[in-house]
């Protein structure tokens, strides 16, 4: 029996089974016992029975595609050499799909000492793994949103397939492989809103890693050692934003609201647009900042927008950013507020009305452009009140922080230009990208797994996952099924 005849016999059988399954489902839905069931139980069982119908229909479709028998032999090109593959045989592989597993019978061409070539695999664009690309996509999406165990349970519930953690971990690392290439090849999107301010922000966030072999055997920790080992990931965010002009008083009122109702005269909020967030454990800060530069150039190749970088007070990070980007460097107001409260608590108890009044006044003076006077006042207070010990140290540290960052604290100018002065988007990126997924209770990561999950979650949070997956599948197929690798031998 020829392979074509075998396929002809298999196709009606697969189709017949699908029709029988549909008839069975139809009969079950209209049967007396089913008509007595609560609708939610009907819904659940119909999903399970319908999944089997979908599986059979997909099986029938694949069999209609034939076995990939291209002729008596293939001329296969391998680098600078080529060979004739004349030995043919049928091989079966199982593909796990979102409907369940299906069997694919295809013609294999081979020769001694070489791997077989399957024309049908190329025609169907089959992955090297036993999971279909659509199933892989859903596994990855589930994984970037929750723990592996929950992801496997979610897939089991929706597809009926059991996925082992080992397989899932390998799949996740492979899925993140084209992350850098994806962003390198992206062109500017002309449909993006024309917000005039381009904001970049860079920060760091720790990810808990699995303990090294040496630490597992320690009987106790030495002084200063922590039981949870974390490695810092460099987190970046780039987005556009419309100008939002505000007064120092409006900012202070938004920061120190004591009433439930909003204050009057507050301008409409300007939200980030087209925000991309990402992070890396493996790359250094310089490498991530280089990627920020590439993203800025992609979005604004002609330099028409106002470029702003909001950073914390880390001098090394500020130097890196200013060396590679022509931006207005702004000290994150949230970090300034931390020091303002630190000074307030030198004189007044925490959570006291007096501490809030002091913090409001200092914050307003800073926003109005009086940073030099605030620094002078803090230092004079230490001298005039003859402070010593912890209080003296606290005020002088706050004064030193303001002095070192005074060139990046011209908030009265930034507010008049409508520039952002706080890194809410990057703080949100650290929380959404790292903390909400990577720092759940008891979680420990290997560096390679953490890097892969962070990349894939970054794609998801940036709204790029669907476009990335198309790119990833194309890249993977080009690697598995190189175009022009073989031609049919014509006798």
Protein backbone atom coordinates (compact mmCIF):
# COMPACT_ATOMS: atom_id res chain seq x y z
CA UNK A 1 0.00 0.00 0.00
CA UNK A 2 1.38 3.39 -0.98
CA UNK A 3 1.57 6.24 1.51
CA UNK A 4 -1.03 8.17 -0.54
CA UNK A 5 -3.47 5.24 -0.25
CA UNK A 6 -2.82 5.00 3.50
CA UNK A 7 -3.57 8.67 3.89
CA UNK A 8 -6.76 8.30 1.84
CA UNK A 9 -7.96 5.58 4.22
CA UNK A 10 -6.98 7.50 7.37
CA UNK A 11 -8.73 10.75 6.46
CA UNK A 12 -12.29 9.37 6.35
CA UNK A 13 -11.65 7.51 9.62
CA UNK A 14 -10.51 10.67 11.46
CA UNK A 15 -13.39 12.65 10.03
CA UNK A 16 -15.83 9.86 10.94
CA UNK A 17 -14.62 9.85 14.54
CA UNK A 18 -15.03 13.64 14.72
CA UNK A 19 -18.59 13.38 13.41
CA UNK A 20 -19.38 10.63 15.90
CA UNK A 21 -18.02 12.80 18.70
CA UNK A 22 -20.16 15.73 17.57
CA UNK A 23 -23.23 13.48 17.38
CA UNK A 24 -22.44 12.15 20.85
CA UNK A 25 -22.10 15.69 22.22
CA UNK A 26 -25.35 16.74 20.56
CA UNK A 27 -27.17 13.71 21.97
CA UNK A 28 -25.75 14.32 25.44
CA UNK A 29 -26.86 17.96 25.45
CA UNK A 30 -30.42 17.01 24.55
CA UNK A 31 -30.67 13.94 26.81
CA UNK A 32 -33.10 13.88 29.74
CA UNK A 33 -30.41 13.59 32.48
CA UNK A 34 -28.46 16.55 31.04
CA UNK A 35 -31.61 18.66 30.85
CA UNK A 36 -31.88 18.25 34.64
CA UNK A 37 -28.36 19.51 35.37
CA UNK A 38 -27.45 23.01 36.55
CA UNK A 39 -26.14 25.06 33.65
CA UNK A 40 -22.65 25.42 35.16
CA UNK A 41 -22.23 21.62 35.20
CA UNK A 42 -23.41 21.41 31.60
CA UNK A 43 -20.92 24.14 30.71
CA UNK A 44 -18.02 22.32 32.36
CA UNK A 45 -18.75 18.92 30.80
CA UNK A 46 -19.46 20.43 27.40
CA UNK A 47 -16.02 22.02 27.46
CA UNK A 48 -14.36 18.67 28.12
CA UNK A 49 -16.36 16.82 25.47
CA UNK A 50 -15.95 19.70 23.02
CA UNK A 51 -12.17 19.63 23.50
CA UNK A 52 -12.09 16.03 22.27
CA UNK A 53 -14.16 17.04 19.24
CA UNK A 54 -11.68 19.84 18.49
CA UNK A 55 -8.78 17.41 18.85
CA UNK A 56 -10.33 14.96 16.39
CA UNK A 57 -11.03 17.74 13.88
CA UNK A 58 -7.41 18.89 14.11
CA UNK A 59 -6.24 15.29 13.70
CA UNK A 60 -8.39 14.96 10.57
CA UNK A 61 -6.99 18.24 9.20
CA UNK A 62 -3.39 17.09 9.67
CA UNK A 63 -4.10 13.82 7.91
CA UNK A 64 -5.57 15.77 5.00
CA UNK A 65 -2.18 17.47 4.65
CA UNK A 66 -0.66 14.13 3.64
CA UNK A 67 2.65 12.64 4.78
CA UNK A 68 5.02 15.01 3.02
CA UNK A 69 6.12 12.45 0.45
CA UNK A 70 8.03 14.65 -1.98
CA UNK A 71 9.29 11.95 -4.32
CA UNK A 72 11.88 9.17 -4.46
CA UNK A 73 14.79 11.23 -3.07
CA UNK A 74 15.89 14.62 -1.75
CA UNK A 75 19.02 16.61 -2.54
CA UNK A 76 19.99 18.01 0.88
CA UNK A 77 22.47 20.90 1.30
CA UNK A 78 24.65 20.85 4.41
CA UNK A 79 26.96 23.86 4.57
CA UNK A 80 29.33 23.76 1.60
CA UNK A 81 28.52 20.11 0.79
CA UNK A 82 25.39 18.27 -0.27
CA UNK A 83 24.04 14.70 -0.23
CA UNK A 84 21.28 12.65 -1.75
CA UNK A 85 18.80 11.19 0.77
CA UNK A 86 17.27 8.10 -0.84
CA UNK A 87 16.06 6.02 2.09
CA UNK A 88 12.38 6.61 2.87
CA UNK A 89 10.30 5.38 5.75
CA UNK A 90 7.23 6.45 7.73
CA UNK A 91 7.76 8.01 11.14
CA UNK A 92 5.19 9.11 13.69
CA UNK A 93 5.48 11.95 16.16
CA UNK A 94 3.09 13.22 18.81
CA UNK A 95 2.25 16.90 18.98
CA UNK A 96 0.63 18.23 22.15
CA UNK A 97 -1.86 20.94 21.21
CA UNK A 98 -4.30 23.12 23.11
CA UNK A 99 -6.96 20.48 22.34
CA UNK A 100 -4.85 17.49 23.38
CA UNK A 101 -2.27 15.25 21.69
CA UNK A 102 -2.48 14.37 17.99
CA UNK A 103 -0.42 11.89 15.95
CA UNK A 104 1.41 12.99 12.82
CA UNK A 105 2.58 10.33 10.35
CA UNK A 106 5.17 11.71 7.94
CA UNK A 107 7.69 10.55 5.38
CA UNK A 108 11.29 10.63 6.58
CA UNK A 109 14.22 10.90 4.15
CA UNK A 110 17.58 9.75 5.46
CA UNK A 111 21.07 8.49 4.68
CA UNK A 112 23.70 6.76 6.77
CA UNK A 113 25.15 8.91 9.55
CA UNK A 114 22.74 11.82 9.15
CA UNK A 115 19.51 12.99 10.76
CA UNK A 116 16.29 12.45 8.86
CA UNK A 117 14.60 15.19 6.87
CA UNK A 118 10.79 15.51 7.14
CA UNK A 119 9.21 17.74 4.46
CA UNK A 120 5.86 17.66 6.26
CA UNK A 121 7.43 19.09 9.44
CA UNK A 122 8.59 22.05 7.38
CA UNK A 123 5.23 22.44 5.63
CA UNK A 124 3.40 22.42 8.98
CA UNK A 125 6.14 24.52 10.64
CA UNK A 126 6.31 22.08 13.51
CA UNK A 127 8.43 23.00 16.54
CA UNK A 128 11.30 20.81 17.67
CA UNK A 129 9.53 20.21 20.98
CA UNK A 130 6.41 18.12 21.41
CA UNK A 131 4.38 21.23 22.35
CA UNK A 132 2.67 23.19 19.58
CA UNK A 133 3.60 26.85 19.33
CA UNK A 134 0.12 27.88 20.46
CA UNK A 135 0.40 25.65 23.52
CA UNK A 136 3.88 27.03 24.21
CA UNK A 137 2.52 30.57 24.01
CA UNK A 138 -0.19 29.84 26.55
CA UNK A 139 2.27 28.11 28.86
CA UNK A 140 4.59 31.11 28.71
CA UNK A 141 1.75 33.57 29.30
CA UNK A 142 0.61 31.59 32.32
CA UNK A 143 4.16 31.42 33.67
CA UNK A 144 4.88 35.14 33.44
CA UNK A 145 1.70 35.83 35.41
CA UNK A 146 2.09 33.26 38.19
CA UNK A 147 4.19 30.44 39.70
CA UNK A 148 5.04 27.35 37.67
CA UNK A 149 2.70 25.15 39.70
CA UNK A 150 -0.23 27.48 39.09
CA UNK A 151 0.69 27.72 35.41
CA UNK A 152 0.71 23.94 35.02
CA UNK A 153 -2.64 23.70 36.81
CA UNK A 154 -4.12 26.39 34.59
CA UNK A 155 -2.97 24.58 31.45
CA UNK A 156 -4.23 21.25 32.80
CA UNK A 157 -7.63 22.82 33.41
CA UNK A 158 -7.88 24.41 29.95
CA UNK A 159 -6.25 21.68 27.82
CA UNK A 160 -6.29 18.50 29.88
CA UNK A 161 -2.50 18.18 29.48
CA UNK A 162 -0.07 17.60 32.33
CA UNK A 163 3.13 19.63 32.00
CA UNK A 164 6.15 18.74 34.14
CA UNK A 165 8.20 21.52 35.72
CA UNK A 166 11.40 20.41 34.00
CA UNK A 167 9.84 20.67 30.55
CA UNK A 168 8.28 24.01 31.43
CA UNK A 169 11.60 25.46 32.63
CA UNK A 170 13.40 24.48 29.41
CA UNK A 171 10.54 25.88 27.35
CA UNK A 172 10.61 29.22 29.20
CA UNK A 173 14.34 29.70 28.66
CA UNK A 174 14.00 28.90 24.95
CA UNK A 175 11.02 31.25 24.65
CA UNK A 176 13.09 34.21 25.89
CA UNK A 177 15.94 33.53 23.47
CA UNK A 178 14.96 36.15 20.87
CA UNK A 179 14.24 39.03 23.29
CA UNK A 180 17.23 41.18 22.32
CA UNK A 181 16.91 40.47 18.60
CA UNK A 182 13.23 41.44 18.69
CA UNK A 183 13.90 44.92 20.03
CA UNK A 184 16.91 45.47 17.79
CA UNK A 185 14.86 44.91 14.64
CA UNK A 186 11.86 47.04 15.62
CA UNK A 187 11.30 50.18 13.57
CA UNK A 188 9.73 53.42 14.83
CA UNK A 189 5.97 53.17 15.07
CA UNK A 190 4.42 56.12 13.17
CA UNK A 191 1.08 55.53 14.89
CA UNK A 192 2.48 56.39 18.32
CA UNK A 193 0.96 59.49 19.95
CA UNK A 194 3.04 62.61 19.51
CA UNK A 195 3.64 63.32 23.21
CA UNK A 196 6.53 65.75 23.33
CA UNK A 197 8.42 64.46 26.39
CA UNK A 198 10.45 61.26 26.22
CA UNK A 199 11.19 59.96 29.71
CA UNK A 200 13.78 57.37 30.70
CA UNK A 201 14.35 55.93 34.14
CA UNK A 202 16.82 53.38 35.46
CA UNK A 203 16.76 51.72 38.87
CA UNK A 204 17.86 48.52 40.59
CA UNK A 205 15.85 45.79 42.29
CA UNK A 206 16.96 42.61 44.04
CA UNK A 207 15.82 39.11 43.01
CA UNK A 208 16.21 36.20 45.46
CA UNK A 209 18.48 33.49 44.02
CA UNK A 210 18.87 29.86 45.08
CA UNK A 211 21.58 29.32 47.66
CA UNK A 212 24.98 28.25 46.46
CA UNK A 213 26.22 24.77 47.29
CA UNK A 214 28.54 26.17 49.97
CA UNK A 215 25.81 28.08 51.78
CA UNK A 216 23.59 25.00 51.95
CA UNK A 217 26.16 23.26 54.14
CA UNK A 218 26.75 26.12 56.58
CA UNK A 219 25.61 25.32 60.10
CA UNK A 220 24.99 28.97 60.89
CA UNK A 221 25.33 32.38 59.31
CA UNK A 222 28.21 34.64 60.14
CA UNK A 223 27.53 38.11 61.51
CA UNK A 224 26.09 40.36 58.82
CA UNK A 225 25.17 37.51 56.47
CA UNK A 226 21.60 37.18 55.25
CA UNK A 227 19.71 33.94 54.74
CA UNK A 228 18.18 35.24 51.49
CA UNK A 229 20.73 35.91 48.78
CA UNK A 230 19.61 38.55 46.31
CA UNK A 231 21.19 39.74 43.11
CA UNK A 232 20.43 43.20 41.83
CA UNK A 233 18.66 43.47 38.50
CA UNK A 234 18.93 46.71 36.53
CA UNK A 235 15.42 47.90 35.69
CA UNK A 236 14.70 50.37 32.87
CA UNK A 237 11.61 52.18 31.67
CA UNK A 238 11.08 54.38 28.61
CA UNK A 239 7.83 56.15 27.80
CA UNK A 240 6.41 59.31 26.29
CA UNK A 241 4.36 61.83 28.17
CA UNK A 242 2.49 65.04 27.46
CA UNK A 243 3.67 68.14 29.36
CA UNK A 244 1.85 68.81 32.63
CA UNK A 245 2.46 72.29 33.99
CA UNK A 246 1.94 72.55 37.75
CA UNK A 247 2.80 74.92 40.56
CA UNK A 248 4.87 73.88 43.60
CA UNK A 249 1.80 74.36 45.78
CA UNK A 250 -0.28 72.00 43.62
CA UNK A 251 2.40 69.31 43.93
CA UNK A 252 2.60 69.74 47.71
CA UNK A 253 -1.17 69.48 48.03
CA UNK A 254 -1.17 66.28 45.98
CA UNK A 255 1.55 64.80 48.22
CA UNK A 256 0.10 65.82 51.60
CA UNK A 257 -3.60 65.30 51.19
CA UNK A 258 -5.38 65.12 54.52
CA UNK A 259 -8.91 65.23 53.11
CA UNK A 260 -10.86 62.50 51.36
CA UNK A 261 -12.00 64.80 48.58
CA UNK A 262 -9.49 65.97 45.98
CA UNK A 263 -8.11 69.47 46.21
CA UNK A 264 -9.38 72.08 43.84
CA UNK A 265 -7.31 73.50 41.02
CA UNK A 266 -5.46 70.22 40.46
CA UNK A 267 -4.51 69.77 36.77
CA UNK A 268 -5.58 66.67 34.88
CA UNK A 269 -3.19 63.75 35.30
CA UNK A 270 -0.77 63.09 32.42
CA UNK A 271 -0.36 59.35 31.97
CA UNK A 272 2.65 57.58 30.44
CA UNK A 273 2.17 56.48 26.84
CA UNK A 274 3.77 53.50 25.08
CA UNK A 275 5.68 52.53 28.18
CA UNK A 276 8.29 49.85 27.73
CA UNK A 277 9.83 48.26 30.83
CA UNK A 278 12.56 45.65 31.06
CA UNK A 279 15.29 44.38 33.36
CA UNK A 280 18.35 42.16 33.44
CA UNK A 281 20.27 40.24 36.04
CA UNK A 282 22.99 39.20 33.63
CA UNK A 283 23.81 42.46 31.89
CA UNK A 284 25.55 45.25 33.73
CA UNK A 285 24.16 48.75 34.19
CA UNK A 286 26.13 50.06 31.22
CA UNK A 287 24.65 47.43 28.92
CA UNK A 288 21.09 48.20 30.06
CA UNK A 289 21.67 51.93 29.64
CA UNK A 290 22.97 51.21 26.12
CA UNK A 291 19.64 49.51 25.44
CA UNK A 292 17.86 52.59 26.81
CA UNK A 293 19.85 54.71 24.34
CA UNK A 294 18.78 52.41 21.47
CA UNK A 295 15.13 52.66 22.55
CA UNK A 296 15.34 56.46 22.71
CA UNK A 297 16.88 56.60 19.22
CA UNK A 298 14.22 54.26 17.87
CA UNK A 299 11.42 56.41 19.25
CA UNK A 300 12.92 59.82 18.46
CA UNK A 301 15.55 59.40 15.70
CA UNK A 302 15.50 63.10 14.82
CA UNK A 303 15.70 64.36 18.40
CA UNK A 304 12.50 66.42 18.24
CA UNK A 305 11.28 65.48 21.73
CA UNK A 306 12.40 66.75 25.12
CA UNK A 307 14.46 64.00 26.76
CA UNK A 308 14.25 63.57 30.52
CA UNK A 309 15.89 61.06 32.88
CA UNK A 310 14.51 60.62 36.39
CA UNK A 311 16.98 58.89 38.73
CA UNK A 312 17.68 58.33 42.39
CA UNK A 313 20.67 59.86 44.10
CA UNK A 314 23.20 57.21 43.08
CA UNK A 315 26.01 59.27 41.60
CA UNK A 316 27.51 56.42 39.58
CA UNK A 317 24.17 55.73 37.91
CA UNK A 318 23.64 59.43 37.22
CA UNK A 319 27.08 59.69 35.60
CA UNK A 320 26.38 56.66 33.40
CA UNK A 321 23.06 58.07 32.21
CA UNK A 322 24.32 61.61 31.56
CA UNK A 323 27.42 60.27 29.74
CA UNK A 324 25.35 58.32 27.22
CA UNK A 325 22.20 60.41 26.91
CA UNK A 326 21.66 64.10 26.28
CA UNK A 327 18.88 64.50 28.80
CA UNK A 328 17.63 66.76 31.52
CA UNK A 329 18.65 64.79 34.60
CA UNK A 330 16.07 65.10 37.41
CA UNK A 331 16.39 63.77 40.93
CA UNK A 332 13.35 61.68 41.76
CA UNK A 333 11.17 63.70 44.14
CA UNK A 334 10.20 60.52 45.97
CA UNK A 335 13.79 60.12 47.13
CA UNK A 336 13.85 63.78 48.19
CA UNK A 337 10.72 63.22 50.27
CA UNK A 338 12.39 60.35 52.11
CA UNK A 339 15.08 62.78 53.30
CA UNK A 340 12.54 65.49 54.09
CA UNK A 341 10.68 63.12 56.41
CA UNK A 342 13.97 62.02 57.93
CA UNK A 343 14.68 65.65 58.86
CA UNK A 344 11.13 66.18 60.13
CA UNK A 345 11.44 63.23 62.51
CA UNK A 346 14.56 64.72 64.05
CA UNK A 347 12.33 67.40 65.60
CA UNK A 348 8.88 65.80 65.77
CA UNK A 349 7.49 62.30 66.44
CA UNK A 350 6.51 60.13 63.48
CA UNK A 351 2.89 60.48 62.30
CA UNK A 352 2.49 63.69 64.30
CA UNK A 353 0.78 66.79 62.78
CA UNK A 354 3.90 68.81 63.59
CA UNK A 355 6.08 66.47 61.51
CA UNK A 356 3.72 66.82 58.56
CA UNK A 357 3.66 70.62 58.81
CA UNK A 358 7.49 70.66 58.85
CA UNK A 359 7.71 68.26 55.88
CA UNK A 360 5.17 70.28 53.87
CA UNK A 361 7.10 73.50 54.46
CA UNK A 362 10.51 72.03 53.51
CA UNK A 363 9.04 70.30 50.44
CA UNK A 364 7.40 73.53 49.28
CA UNK A 365 10.65 75.47 49.66
CA UNK A 366 12.53 72.87 47.60
CA UNK A 367 9.90 72.86 44.86
CA UNK A 368 9.99 76.67 44.72
CA UNK A 369 13.72 76.55 43.93
CA UNK A 370 15.08 77.34 47.39
CA UNK A 371 17.28 74.25 47.78
CA UNK A 372 20.33 76.30 48.80
CA UNK A 373 18.38 77.98 51.60
CA UNK A 374 17.09 74.62 52.83
CA UNK A 375 20.64 73.22 52.93
CA UNK A 376 21.88 76.31 54.77
CA UNK A 377 18.98 76.12 57.23
CA UNK A 378 19.63 72.47 58.07
CA UNK A 379 23.32 73.11 58.74
CA UNK A 380 22.62 76.22 60.80
CA UNK A 381 20.08 74.32 62.86
CA UNK A 382 22.74 71.79 63.84
CA UNK A 383 25.01 74.63 64.99
CA UNK A 384 22.44 76.89 66.66
CA UNK A 385 20.68 74.09 68.54
CA UNK A 386 24.00 72.44 69.34
CA UNK A 387 22.73 69.08 68.15
CA UNK A 388 24.91 66.02 68.54
CA UNK A 389 24.78 62.25 68.09
CA UNK A 390 22.08 60.71 65.90
CA UNK A 391 20.16 63.97 65.36
CA UNK A 392 23.25 65.84 64.17
CA UNK A 393 24.22 62.96 61.91
CA UNK A 394 20.72 62.71 60.40
CA UNK A 395 20.44 66.42 59.54
CA UNK A 396 23.94 66.65 58.10
CA UNK A 397 23.31 63.55 55.93
CA UNK A 398 20.12 65.11 54.58
CA UNK A 399 21.91 68.39 53.91
CA UNK A 400 24.77 66.56 52.15
CA UNK A 401 22.31 64.61 49.98
CA UNK A 402 20.58 67.81 48.88
CA UNK A 403 23.90 69.56 48.26
CA UNK A 404 25.28 66.72 46.11
CA UNK A 405 22.12 66.64 44.01
CA UNK A 406 21.29 70.37 43.93
CA UNK A 407 21.91 70.63 40.15
CA UNK A 408 19.18 68.03 39.60
CA UNK A 409 16.68 69.65 41.98
CA UNK A 410 15.58 72.69 39.94
CA UNK A 411 11.99 71.64 40.37
CA UNK A 412 10.52 75.12 39.84
CA UNK A 413 11.97 75.05 36.30
CA UNK A 414 10.89 71.46 35.62
CA UNK A 415 7.31 72.15 36.77
CA UNK A 416 7.04 75.28 34.63
CA UNK A 417 8.10 73.21 31.59
CA UNK A 418 5.62 70.45 32.42
CA UNK A 419 8.36 67.84 33.01
CA UNK A 420 7.89 64.82 35.28
CA UNK A 421 9.70 65.04 38.62
CA UNK A 422 9.00 61.61 40.13
CA UNK A 423 9.78 58.08 38.96
CA UNK A 424 6.38 56.56 39.56
CA UNK A 425 6.51 54.57 36.29
CA UNK A 426 9.89 52.96 37.08
CA UNK A 427 8.86 52.34 40.68
CA UNK A 428 5.77 50.68 39.25
CA UNK A 429 8.00 48.71 36.87
CA UNK A 430 10.08 47.43 39.77
CA UNK A 431 6.92 46.34 41.54
CA UNK A 432 5.06 44.86 38.57
CA UNK A 433 8.06 43.36 36.83
CA UNK A 434 10.11 42.12 39.78
CA UNK A 435 8.33 42.15 43.12
CA UNK A 436 4.88 40.89 42.07
CA UNK A 437 6.34 37.88 40.21
CA UNK A 438 9.88 37.22 41.40
CA UNK A 439 9.63 37.93 45.14
CA UNK A 440 6.61 35.91 46.18
CA UNK A 441 6.87 34.06 49.45
CA UNK A 442 9.49 31.31 49.38
CA UNK A 443 10.56 31.90 45.78
CA UNK A 444 14.20 31.30 44.85
CA UNK A 445 15.55 31.46 41.32
CA UNK A 446 18.51 30.30 39.33
CA UNK A 447 20.02 33.22 37.47
CA UNK A 448 19.17 31.81 34.03
CA UNK A 449 15.53 31.16 34.92
CA UNK A 450 15.12 34.56 36.56
CA UNK A 451 16.55 36.27 33.49
CA UNK A 452 14.19 34.40 31.16
CA UNK A 453 11.05 35.04 33.23
CA UNK A 454 11.89 38.73 33.68
CA UNK A 455 12.36 39.15 29.92
CA UNK A 456 9.08 37.44 29.08
CA UNK A 457 7.20 39.33 31.79
CA UNK A 458 8.68 42.58 30.48
CA UNK A 459 7.26 41.80 27.04
CA UNK A 460 3.87 41.11 28.59
CA UNK A 461 3.82 44.31 30.69
CA UNK A 462 5.04 46.41 27.74
CA UNK A 463 2.25 45.14 25.49
CA UNK A 464 4.76 43.56 23.10
CA UNK A 465 4.20 39.87 23.80
CA UNK A 466 1.97 39.02 20.82
CA UNK A 467 4.32 40.75 18.36
CA UNK A 468 7.30 39.10 20.00
CA UNK A 469 5.77 35.63 19.79
CA UNK A 470 5.24 35.97 16.03
CA UNK A 471 8.87 37.05 15.69
CA UNK A 472 10.07 34.22 17.96
CA UNK A 473 8.19 31.55 15.98
CA UNK A 474 9.60 32.87 12.68
CA UNK A 475 13.15 32.89 14.08
CA UNK A 476 12.76 29.41 15.54
CA UNK A 477 11.37 28.00 12.31
CA UNK A 478 14.23 29.50 10.31
CA UNK A 479 16.61 27.67 12.63
CA UNK A 480 14.75 24.34 12.61
CA UNK A 481 13.68 24.40 8.96
CA UNK A 482 16.25 26.50 7.05
CA UNK A 483 14.72 27.63 3.75
CA UNK A 484 16.29 26.06 0.68
CA UNK A 485 17.89 23.24 2.65
CA UNK A 486 16.64 20.59 0.23
CA UNK A 487 15.16 20.16 -3.22
CA UNK A 488 13.39 17.20 -4.78
CA UNK A 489 15.57 14.97 -6.96
CA UNK A 490 13.99 14.85 -10.40
CA UNK A 491 14.91 11.76 -12.40
